[in-house]
Amino acid sequence: MANLGPLGVNFQVTTASSTASFRDITAQVLSWTGLGFEANLEDGQAFGISWQTMLFSQFSKIQEITLNTLYDDDTSTGVRGFFMNATDVGTEKVMKLDFGTTNAYPKFDFLVKSARVLPARSELIKTEIVLQPTGAPSVVTT
């Protein structure tokens, strides 16, 4: 089993309705919240039961993902041209992650929930982009 660091992770994005190739934004990503899965649970405590009972609702989801990136104003390669336009918020896009382990990559659709530019004095401009995955992930080989 290989132990990989951040050099083994690649972030690639494209638009959901496009046949365009994926855009590699790896060099701009500073941190992210990771790829997590969650079961939707519901309180199933009936009358007369003194302990909470949680029931699986038969729905699962990919947890919300936050990307912290460097701001790159190149509209053809940077995050600005893909996430930072007002019309990008609410649009569906696709992400493919490469963890550097095999030729199998998790891929999922997501909505751009929010995008913020975070300028600070004496620092490079950064962004915070919140993605809400939709649907089930798939595993692709290309």
Protein backbone atom coordinates (compact mmCIF):
# COMPACT_ATOMS: atom_id res chain seq x y z
CA MET A 1 0.00 0.00 0.00
CA ALA A 2 1.38 3.36 -1.00
CA ASN A 3 1.30 6.26 1.40
CA LEU A 4 0.68 9.32 -0.70
CA GLY A 5 0.96 12.95 0.22
CA PRO A 6 -0.57 16.02 -1.41
CA LEU A 7 1.59 15.53 -4.51
CA GLY A 8 -0.53 12.48 -5.30
CA VAL A 9 -3.84 14.37 -5.48
CA ASN A 10 -5.17 16.00 -8.65
CA PHE A 11 -8.35 18.07 -9.01
CA GLN A 12 -9.95 18.20 -12.45
CA VAL A 13 -13.21 19.98 -13.30
CA THR A 14 -15.45 20.48 -16.32
CA THR A 15 -18.96 21.68 -17.04
CA ALA A 16 -21.74 19.12 -16.75
CA SER A 17 -23.22 19.70 -20.19
CA SER A 18 -19.94 20.12 -22.03
CA THR A 19 -17.80 17.77 -24.03
CA ALA A 20 -14.85 19.99 -23.15
CA SER A 21 -11.83 18.39 -21.59
CA PHE A 22 -11.27 18.55 -17.86
CA ARG A 23 -9.43 21.57 -16.46
CA ASP A 24 -6.67 20.73 -13.96
CA ILE A 25 -6.89 23.17 -11.01
CA THR A 26 -4.50 21.21 -8.78
CA ALA A 27 -1.80 23.89 -8.75
CA GLN A 28 -4.24 26.43 -7.30
CA VAL A 29 -5.75 24.29 -4.52
CA LEU A 30 -4.25 25.07 -1.10
CA SER A 31 -6.57 22.92 1.00
CA TRP A 32 -9.90 21.14 0.87
CA THR A 33 -12.27 19.47 3.27
CA GLY A 34 -11.94 16.07 1.65
CA LEU A 35 -14.26 13.58 0.02
CA GLY A 36 -16.75 12.29 2.59
CA PHE A 37 -19.90 10.22 2.35
CA GLU A 38 -22.89 10.53 4.67
CA ALA A 39 -26.02 8.51 5.38
CA ASN A 40 -29.15 10.59 5.92
CA LEU A 41 -30.62 9.52 9.24
CA GLU A 42 -34.00 10.24 10.74
CA ASP A 43 -35.15 10.25 14.33
CA GLY A 44 -37.27 7.12 14.76
CA GLN A 45 -38.03 7.45 18.46
CA ALA A 46 -41.62 6.37 19.05
CA PHE A 47 -43.80 7.18 22.04
CA GLY A 48 -42.83 5.23 25.13
CA ILE A 49 -39.16 4.81 24.13
CA SER A 50 -36.72 6.66 26.37
CA TRP A 51 -33.65 6.44 24.12
CA GLN A 52 -33.28 8.08 20.75
CA THR A 53 -33.42 5.68 17.82
CA MET A 54 -31.91 6.74 14.50
CA LEU A 55 -33.13 5.15 11.28
CA PHE A 56 -31.42 5.14 7.89
CA SER A 57 -33.67 6.96 5.42
CA GLN A 58 -32.23 4.96 2.48
CA PHE A 59 -30.61 8.12 1.11
CA SER A 60 -26.90 8.88 1.11
CA LYS A 61 -24.89 11.83 -0.10
CA ILE A 62 -21.42 13.15 -0.70
CA GLN A 63 -20.70 15.77 1.93
CA GLU A 64 -20.23 19.42 0.98
CA ILE A 65 -16.68 20.20 -0.17
CA THR A 66 -14.85 23.46 0.45
CA LEU A 67 -11.85 24.31 -1.71
CA ASN A 68 -9.41 26.99 -0.60
CA THR A 69 -7.41 28.15 -3.59
CA LEU A 70 -5.07 30.77 -4.87
CA TYR A 71 -6.91 33.30 -7.02
CA ASP A 72 -5.86 32.90 -10.65
CA ASP A 73 -7.49 35.42 -12.97
CA ASP A 74 -6.65 33.50 -16.15
CA THR A 75 -10.13 32.64 -17.39
CA SER A 76 -8.90 29.69 -19.46
CA THR A 77 -6.84 27.93 -16.76
CA GLY A 78 -7.64 29.53 -13.42
CA VAL A 79 -10.42 29.22 -10.87
CA ARG A 80 -11.82 32.64 -11.78
CA GLY A 81 -13.03 31.49 -15.17
CA PHE A 82 -14.61 28.37 -13.77
CA PHE A 83 -16.04 29.27 -10.35
CA MET A 84 -15.89 33.02 -9.74
CA ASN A 85 -18.43 34.48 -12.18
CA ALA A 86 -21.83 35.34 -10.75
CA THR A 87 -23.40 33.01 -13.31
CA ASP A 88 -21.31 30.06 -12.00
CA VAL A 89 -23.13 29.98 -8.65
CA GLY A 90 -25.86 27.36 -8.84
CA THR A 91 -24.54 25.74 -12.00
CA GLU A 92 -23.83 22.05 -12.24
CA LYS A 93 -20.29 20.96 -13.00
CA VAL A 94 -18.23 17.77 -12.75
CA MET A 95 -15.15 16.95 -10.66
CA LYS A 96 -12.74 14.07 -11.12
CA LEU A 97 -10.25 13.32 -8.36
CA ASP A 98 -7.00 11.47 -8.87
CA PHE A 99 -5.43 10.20 -5.66
CA GLY A 100 -2.47 8.72 -7.56
CA THR A 101 -3.19 5.14 -6.56
CA THR A 102 -4.68 3.37 -9.59
CA ASN A 103 -6.35 4.09 -12.89
CA ALA A 104 -9.72 4.43 -11.12
CA TYR A 105 -10.86 7.97 -10.31
CA PRO A 106 -13.88 9.11 -8.27
CA LYS A 107 -16.05 11.43 -10.37
CA PHE A 108 -19.19 13.31 -9.32
CA ASP A 109 -21.50 16.13 -10.33
CA PHE A 110 -21.75 19.17 -8.07
CA LEU A 111 -23.43 22.54 -7.81
CA VAL A 112 -21.33 25.61 -7.09
CA LYS A 113 -22.92 26.67 -3.80
CA SER A 114 -20.80 29.75 -3.19
CA ALA A 115 -17.54 31.40 -4.21
CA ARG A 116 -15.69 34.15 -2.36
CA VAL A 117 -12.57 36.13 -3.15
CA LEU A 118 -10.54 36.73 0.02
CA PRO A 119 -8.00 39.53 -0.43
CA ALA A 120 -5.77 40.28 2.55
CA ARG A 121 -3.06 42.85 3.09
CA SER A 122 0.49 41.57 2.35
CA GLU A 123 -0.76 38.21 1.05
CA LEU A 124 -1.65 36.61 -2.24
CA ILE A 125 -5.36 36.72 -3.02
CA LYS A 126 -7.15 33.51 -2.10
CA THR A 127 -10.63 32.11 -2.66
CA GLU A 128 -13.11 29.90 -0.86
CA ILE A 129 -15.31 27.80 -3.11
CA VAL A 130 -18.10 25.64 -1.66
CA LEU A 131 -19.31 22.72 -3.75
CA GLN A 132 -22.46 20.70 -3.10
CA PRO A 133 -22.18 17.30 -4.77
CA THR A 134 -25.34 15.91 -6.33
CA GLY A 135 -26.19 12.31 -7.02
CA ALA A 136 -24.03 9.23 -6.60
CA PRO A 137 -20.31 9.23 -7.35
CA SER A 138 -18.96 7.04 -10.11
CA VAL A 139 -15.55 5.54 -10.68
CA VAL A 140 -13.99 6.21 -14.07
CA THR A 141 -10.75 5.07 -15.64
CA THR A 142 -9.98 8.07 -17.84
